[in-house]
Amino acid sequence: MKSILPYVFGLSAFALTACDITHPVAVVGPGTTLRGTATASFTQGGWFQVTNGAVTCRGQYTLTPEPQTVSFPVTCTNGLKGLGTATYSTPTEGAGTVLMENGEEWRFIFGRQALQF
């Protein structure tokens, strides 16, 4: 008789990956708008990647006790780095800021509202 255990583990792994949610992101800085996507995982936190064609920026956050607000480091291919903070208004939408190390403050928008940028 075959064990069903491998199937149970396979379905569990599929169910966990199916919990990832991807939504649009816009990061608006001085004279530029970067667009891309963010993926939130209920087990690992989340990550995003945006680009304007010339520069790409990425960030990743971990789960926190306060699920409505997250902070995350941002690194860009042009050498800029920063620290972002975002607040969820719904489970898939929200906004915040990224304070870049050069003193610039960029807007960080995710969810449907990011499509307006």
N, C-alpha and C. Protein backbone atom coordinates (compact mmCIF):
# COMPACT_ATOMS: atom_id res chain seq x y z
N MET A 1 0.84 -1.18 0.00
CA MET A 1 0.00 0.00 0.00
C MET A 1 0.89 1.24 0.00
N LYS A 2 0.58 2.19 -0.89
CA LYS A 2 1.36 3.41 -1.00
C LYS A 2 0.93 4.41 0.06
N SER A 3 1.90 5.16 0.54
CA SER A 3 1.63 6.20 1.52
C SER A 3 1.12 7.45 0.80
N ILE A 4 0.17 8.14 1.41
CA ILE A 4 -0.32 9.39 0.85
C ILE A 4 0.46 10.58 1.39
N LEU A 5 1.41 10.31 2.29
CA LEU A 5 2.18 11.38 2.90
C LEU A 5 2.88 12.29 1.90
N PRO A 6 3.53 11.77 0.85
CA PRO A 6 4.16 12.68 -0.12
C PRO A 6 3.15 13.62 -0.79
N TYR A 7 1.95 13.14 -1.01
CA TYR A 7 0.93 13.98 -1.63
C TYR A 7 0.47 15.09 -0.68
N VAL A 8 0.35 14.76 0.60
CA VAL A 8 -0.05 15.75 1.59
C VAL A 8 1.00 16.86 1.67
N PHE A 9 2.28 16.49 1.72
CA PHE A 9 3.35 17.49 1.76
C PHE A 9 3.36 18.32 0.48
N GLY A 10 3.15 17.70 -0.65
CA GLY A 10 3.12 18.42 -1.92
C GLY A 10 1.99 19.43 -1.97
N LEU A 11 0.81 19.03 -1.52
CA LEU A 11 -0.33 19.95 -1.50
C LEU A 11 -0.12 21.08 -0.50
N SER A 12 0.51 20.77 0.63
CA SER A 12 0.79 21.81 1.62
C SER A 12 1.75 22.84 1.05
N ALA A 13 2.78 22.39 0.37
CA ALA A 13 3.75 23.32 -0.22
C ALA A 13 3.07 24.18 -1.28
N PHE A 14 2.20 23.58 -2.10
CA PHE A 14 1.48 24.33 -3.11
C PHE A 14 0.58 25.37 -2.46
N ALA A 15 -0.09 25.01 -1.38
CA ALA A 15 -1.00 25.93 -0.70
C ALA A 15 -0.23 27.12 -0.14
N LEU A 16 0.96 26.89 0.40
CA LEU A 16 1.75 27.98 0.94
C LEU A 16 2.22 28.93 -0.15
N THR A 17 2.63 28.40 -1.30
CA THR A 17 3.07 29.29 -2.38
C THR A 17 1.89 30.03 -2.98
N ALA A 18 0.71 29.45 -2.91
CA ALA A 18 -0.48 30.11 -3.45
C ALA A 18 -0.89 31.30 -2.60
N CYS A 19 -0.32 31.44 -1.41
CA CYS A 19 -0.65 32.56 -0.52
C CYS A 19 0.08 33.84 -0.89
N ASP A 20 1.04 33.78 -1.80
CA ASP A 20 1.75 34.98 -2.22
C ASP A 20 0.81 35.88 -3.01
N ILE A 21 0.89 37.18 -2.73
CA ILE A 21 0.06 38.16 -3.42
C ILE A 21 0.99 39.16 -4.10
N THR A 22 0.80 39.37 -5.40
CA THR A 22 1.60 40.33 -6.15
C THR A 22 0.72 41.50 -6.55
N HIS A 23 1.25 42.72 -6.37
CA HIS A 23 0.49 43.90 -6.73
C HIS A 23 1.45 44.96 -7.30
N PRO A 24 0.90 45.94 -8.03
CA PRO A 24 1.74 46.96 -8.65
C PRO A 24 2.35 47.91 -7.61
N VAL A 25 3.51 48.46 -7.96
CA VAL A 25 4.21 49.42 -7.11
C VAL A 25 4.70 50.57 -7.98
N ALA A 26 4.66 51.77 -7.42
CA ALA A 26 5.28 52.93 -8.05
C ALA A 26 6.13 53.63 -6.99
N VAL A 27 7.33 54.01 -7.37
CA VAL A 27 8.20 54.78 -6.49
C VAL A 27 8.49 56.08 -7.24
N VAL A 28 8.09 57.19 -6.63
CA VAL A 28 8.20 58.48 -7.28
C VAL A 28 9.28 59.29 -6.57
N GLY A 29 10.34 59.59 -7.32
CA GLY A 29 11.44 60.40 -6.80
C GLY A 29 11.55 61.68 -7.58
N PRO A 30 12.50 62.53 -7.23
CA PRO A 30 12.68 63.79 -7.95
C PRO A 30 12.95 63.55 -9.44
N GLY A 31 12.01 63.94 -10.27
CA GLY A 31 12.18 63.83 -11.72
C GLY A 31 12.08 62.43 -12.30
N THR A 32 11.65 61.44 -11.52
CA THR A 32 11.55 60.09 -12.05
C THR A 32 10.46 59.29 -11.36
N THR A 33 9.90 58.34 -12.10
CA THR A 33 8.95 57.38 -11.54
C THR A 33 9.42 55.99 -11.93
N LEU A 34 9.56 55.14 -10.93
CA LEU A 34 9.94 53.75 -11.16
C LEU A 34 8.70 52.89 -10.93
N ARG A 35 8.47 51.93 -11.81
CA ARG A 35 7.28 51.07 -11.71
C ARG A 35 7.71 49.61 -11.65
N GLY A 36 6.90 48.82 -10.96
CA GLY A 36 7.18 47.38 -10.88
C GLY A 36 6.14 46.68 -10.06
N THR A 37 6.56 45.64 -9.36
CA THR A 37 5.64 44.84 -8.57
C THR A 37 6.22 44.56 -7.19
N ALA A 38 5.31 44.28 -6.28
CA ALA A 38 5.66 43.82 -4.94
C ALA A 38 4.95 42.50 -4.71
N THR A 39 5.61 41.61 -4.02
CA THR A 39 5.02 40.32 -3.67
C THR A 39 5.05 40.18 -2.17
N ALA A 40 3.90 39.92 -1.59
CA ALA A 40 3.79 39.70 -0.15
C ALA A 40 3.53 38.23 0.09
N SER A 41 4.27 37.65 1.01
CA SER A 41 4.12 36.26 1.39
C SER A 41 3.68 36.21 2.85
N PHE A 42 2.69 35.41 3.14
CA PHE A 42 2.21 35.32 4.51
C PHE A 42 3.19 34.59 5.42
N THR A 43 4.19 33.93 4.83
CA THR A 43 5.15 33.18 5.64
C THR A 43 6.53 33.81 5.66
N GLN A 44 6.86 34.70 4.71
CA GLN A 44 8.22 35.20 4.61
C GLN A 44 8.35 36.72 4.62
N GLY A 45 7.28 37.46 4.59
CA GLY A 45 7.36 38.91 4.45
C GLY A 45 7.08 39.29 3.02
N GLY A 46 7.89 40.17 2.46
CA GLY A 46 7.64 40.58 1.08
C GLY A 46 8.85 41.23 0.46
N TRP A 47 8.75 41.51 -0.83
CA TRP A 47 9.83 42.11 -1.58
C TRP A 47 9.24 42.85 -2.77
N PHE A 48 10.02 43.81 -3.28
CA PHE A 48 9.56 44.55 -4.46
C PHE A 48 10.75 44.84 -5.36
N GLN A 49 10.41 45.14 -6.61
CA GLN A 49 11.40 45.57 -7.60
C GLN A 49 10.71 46.55 -8.52
N VAL A 50 11.36 47.71 -8.74
CA VAL A 50 10.83 48.75 -9.62
C VAL A 50 11.94 49.23 -10.54
N THR A 51 11.56 49.75 -11.70
CA THR A 51 12.55 50.27 -12.64
C THR A 51 11.95 51.40 -13.47
N ASN A 52 12.82 52.25 -13.98
CA ASN A 52 12.41 53.27 -14.95
C ASN A 52 13.10 53.00 -16.29
N GLY A 53 13.72 51.84 -16.42
CA GLY A 53 14.44 51.48 -17.63
C GLY A 53 15.94 51.70 -17.50
N ALA A 54 16.32 52.70 -16.75
CA ALA A 54 17.74 52.99 -16.55
C ALA A 54 18.23 52.53 -15.18
N VAL A 55 17.36 52.65 -14.18
CA VAL A 55 17.70 52.31 -12.79
C VAL A 55 16.68 51.30 -12.28
N THR A 56 17.15 50.33 -11.53
CA THR A 56 16.28 49.35 -10.87
C THR A 56 16.54 49.42 -9.37
N CYS A 57 15.47 49.45 -8.59
CA CYS A 57 15.59 49.46 -7.13
C CYS A 57 14.82 48.26 -6.57
N ARG A 58 15.36 47.72 -5.47
CA ARG A 58 14.77 46.54 -4.83
C ARG A 58 14.72 46.75 -3.33
N GLY A 59 13.81 46.03 -2.70
CA GLY A 59 13.72 46.03 -1.25
C GLY A 59 13.04 44.78 -0.77
N GLN A 60 13.26 44.45 0.49
CA GLN A 60 12.65 43.27 1.09
C GLN A 60 12.36 43.56 2.56
N TYR A 61 11.21 43.09 3.04
CA TYR A 61 10.88 43.25 4.44
C TYR A 61 10.53 41.91 5.05
N THR A 62 10.67 41.83 6.35
CA THR A 62 10.30 40.62 7.08
C THR A 62 9.03 40.89 7.85
N LEU A 63 8.39 39.84 8.29
CA LEU A 63 7.17 39.98 9.06
C LEU A 63 7.47 40.66 10.39
N THR A 64 6.56 41.51 10.83
CA THR A 64 6.73 42.22 12.10
C THR A 64 5.49 42.01 12.97
N PRO A 65 5.62 42.26 14.26
CA PRO A 65 4.44 42.14 15.14
C PRO A 65 3.33 43.12 14.75
N GLU A 66 3.71 44.27 14.20
CA GLU A 66 2.74 45.28 13.76
C GLU A 66 2.53 45.09 12.25
N PRO A 67 1.51 44.33 11.85
CA PRO A 67 1.37 43.97 10.43
C PRO A 67 0.96 45.11 9.51
N GLN A 68 0.55 46.26 10.03
CA GLN A 68 0.10 47.33 9.15
C GLN A 68 1.22 48.25 8.70
N THR A 69 2.38 48.19 9.35
CA THR A 69 3.50 49.05 8.99
C THR A 69 4.76 48.21 8.84
N VAL A 70 5.49 48.45 7.75
CA VAL A 70 6.75 47.72 7.52
C VAL A 70 7.85 48.71 7.19
N SER A 71 9.07 48.35 7.54
CA SER A 71 10.26 49.11 7.16
C SER A 71 11.15 48.20 6.35
N PHE A 72 11.89 48.77 5.41
CA PHE A 72 12.68 47.93 4.52
C PHE A 72 13.84 48.72 3.93
N PRO A 73 14.99 48.07 3.78
CA PRO A 73 16.09 48.72 3.08
C PRO A 73 15.83 48.70 1.58
N VAL A 74 16.33 49.73 0.89
CA VAL A 74 16.19 49.84 -0.56
C VAL A 74 17.58 49.99 -1.16
N THR A 75 17.86 49.22 -2.20
CA THR A 75 19.13 49.37 -2.92
C THR A 75 18.81 49.53 -4.40
N CYS A 76 19.57 50.40 -5.06
CA CYS A 76 19.35 50.69 -6.48
C CYS A 76 20.62 50.39 -7.27
N THR A 77 20.44 50.10 -8.55
CA THR A 77 21.57 49.75 -9.41
C THR A 77 22.49 50.92 -9.67
N ASN A 78 22.05 52.16 -9.38
CA ASN A 78 22.92 53.32 -9.57
C ASN A 78 23.71 53.64 -8.30
N GLY A 79 23.65 52.75 -7.30
CA GLY A 79 24.41 52.92 -6.08
C GLY A 79 23.65 53.57 -4.93
N LEU A 80 22.49 54.16 -5.21
CA LEU A 80 21.70 54.78 -4.14
C LEU A 80 21.14 53.71 -3.20
N LYS A 81 21.06 54.07 -1.93
CA LYS A 81 20.45 53.20 -0.92
C LYS A 81 19.54 54.06 -0.07
N GLY A 82 18.59 53.42 0.57
CA GLY A 82 17.68 54.16 1.42
C GLY A 82 16.94 53.26 2.36
N LEU A 83 16.07 53.87 3.16
CA LEU A 83 15.23 53.13 4.09
C LEU A 83 13.79 53.53 3.84
N GLY A 84 12.96 52.54 3.56
CA GLY A 84 11.55 52.79 3.29
C GLY A 84 10.68 52.40 4.47
N THR A 85 9.54 53.07 4.58
CA THR A 85 8.51 52.75 5.56
C THR A 85 7.18 52.86 4.84
N ALA A 86 6.36 51.85 4.98
CA ALA A 86 5.06 51.86 4.31
C ALA A 86 3.99 51.37 5.27
N THR A 87 2.78 51.90 5.09
CA THR A 87 1.64 51.51 5.91
C THR A 87 0.56 50.96 4.99
N TYR A 88 0.01 49.83 5.36
CA TYR A 88 -1.08 49.21 4.61
C TYR A 88 -2.40 49.89 4.96
N SER A 89 -3.16 50.31 3.94
CA SER A 89 -4.52 50.79 4.17
C SER A 89 -5.52 49.64 4.01
N THR A 90 -5.16 48.66 3.18
CA THR A 90 -5.89 47.40 3.04
C THR A 90 -4.80 46.32 2.93
N PRO A 91 -5.15 45.04 2.91
CA PRO A 91 -4.11 44.02 2.80
C PRO A 91 -3.25 44.09 1.53
N THR A 92 -3.73 44.77 0.49
CA THR A 92 -2.96 44.84 -0.75
C THR A 92 -2.69 46.26 -1.23
N GLU A 93 -2.98 47.27 -0.41
CA GLU A 93 -2.76 48.66 -0.82
C GLU A 93 -2.19 49.48 0.33
N GLY A 94 -1.42 50.48 -0.06
CA GLY A 94 -0.88 51.39 0.94
C GLY A 94 0.14 52.32 0.34
N ALA A 95 0.82 53.04 1.21
CA ALA A 95 1.81 54.01 0.74
C ALA A 95 2.78 54.32 1.87
N GLY A 96 3.85 54.98 1.48
CA GLY A 96 4.85 55.38 2.46
C GLY A 96 5.92 56.21 1.79
N THR A 97 7.08 56.22 2.40
CA THR A 97 8.19 57.01 1.88
C THR A 97 9.47 56.18 1.91
N VAL A 98 10.40 56.59 1.08
CA VAL A 98 11.75 56.04 1.10
C VAL A 98 12.68 57.23 1.28
N LEU A 99 13.45 57.23 2.36
CA LEU A 99 14.43 58.27 2.60
C LEU A 99 15.77 57.75 2.09
N MET A 100 16.23 58.34 0.99
CA MET A 100 17.48 57.92 0.38
C MET A 100 18.66 58.52 1.14
N GLU A 101 19.80 57.85 1.07
CA GLU A 101 20.97 58.30 1.82
C GLU A 101 21.48 59.67 1.37
N ASN A 102 21.08 60.12 0.18
CA ASN A 102 21.48 61.45 -0.28
C ASN A 102 20.52 62.55 0.19
N GLY A 103 19.54 62.17 1.04
CA GLY A 103 18.61 63.13 1.61
C GLY A 103 17.29 63.26 0.87
N GLU A 104 17.19 62.67 -0.32
CA GLU A 104 15.93 62.74 -1.08
C GLU A 104 14.87 61.86 -0.42
N GLU A 105 13.62 62.32 -0.47
CA GLU A 105 12.49 61.53 0.02
C GLU A 105 11.63 61.14 -1.17
N TRP A 106 11.46 59.85 -1.37
CA TRP A 106 10.68 59.33 -2.48
C TRP A 106 9.36 58.79 -1.95
N ARG A 107 8.31 58.90 -2.76
CA ARG A 107 7.01 58.30 -2.41
C ARG A 107 7.01 56.85 -2.84
N PHE A 108 6.43 55.99 -2.01
CA PHE A 108 6.31 54.56 -2.27
C PHE A 108 4.82 54.23 -2.23
N ILE A 109 4.26 53.78 -3.36
CA ILE A 109 2.83 53.51 -3.47
C ILE A 109 2.66 52.08 -3.97
N PHE A 110 1.81 51.30 -3.32
CA PHE A 110 1.55 49.95 -3.81
C PHE A 110 0.06 49.64 -3.80
N GLY A 111 -0.32 48.76 -4.71
CA GLY A 111 -1.73 48.42 -4.91
C GLY A 111 -2.27 49.14 -6.13
N ARG A 112 -3.57 49.12 -6.29
CA ARG A 112 -4.22 49.73 -7.47
C ARG A 112 -3.85 51.19 -7.68
N GLN A 113 -3.68 51.92 -6.57
CA GLN A 113 -3.35 53.34 -6.69
C GLN A 113 -2.00 53.58 -7.36
N ALA A 114 -1.12 52.58 -7.35
CA ALA A 114 0.18 52.73 -8.00
C ALA A 114 0.03 52.82 -9.53
N LEU A 115 -1.07 52.35 -10.07
CA LEU A 115 -1.28 52.38 -11.52
C LEU A 115 -1.51 53.80 -12.03
N GLN A 116 -1.77 54.74 -11.14
CA GLN A 116 -2.00 56.13 -11.53
C GLN A 116 -0.69 56.87 -11.82
N PHE A 117 0.43 56.26 -11.50
CA PHE A 117 1.73 56.92 -11.67
C PHE A 117 2.48 56.37 -12.84
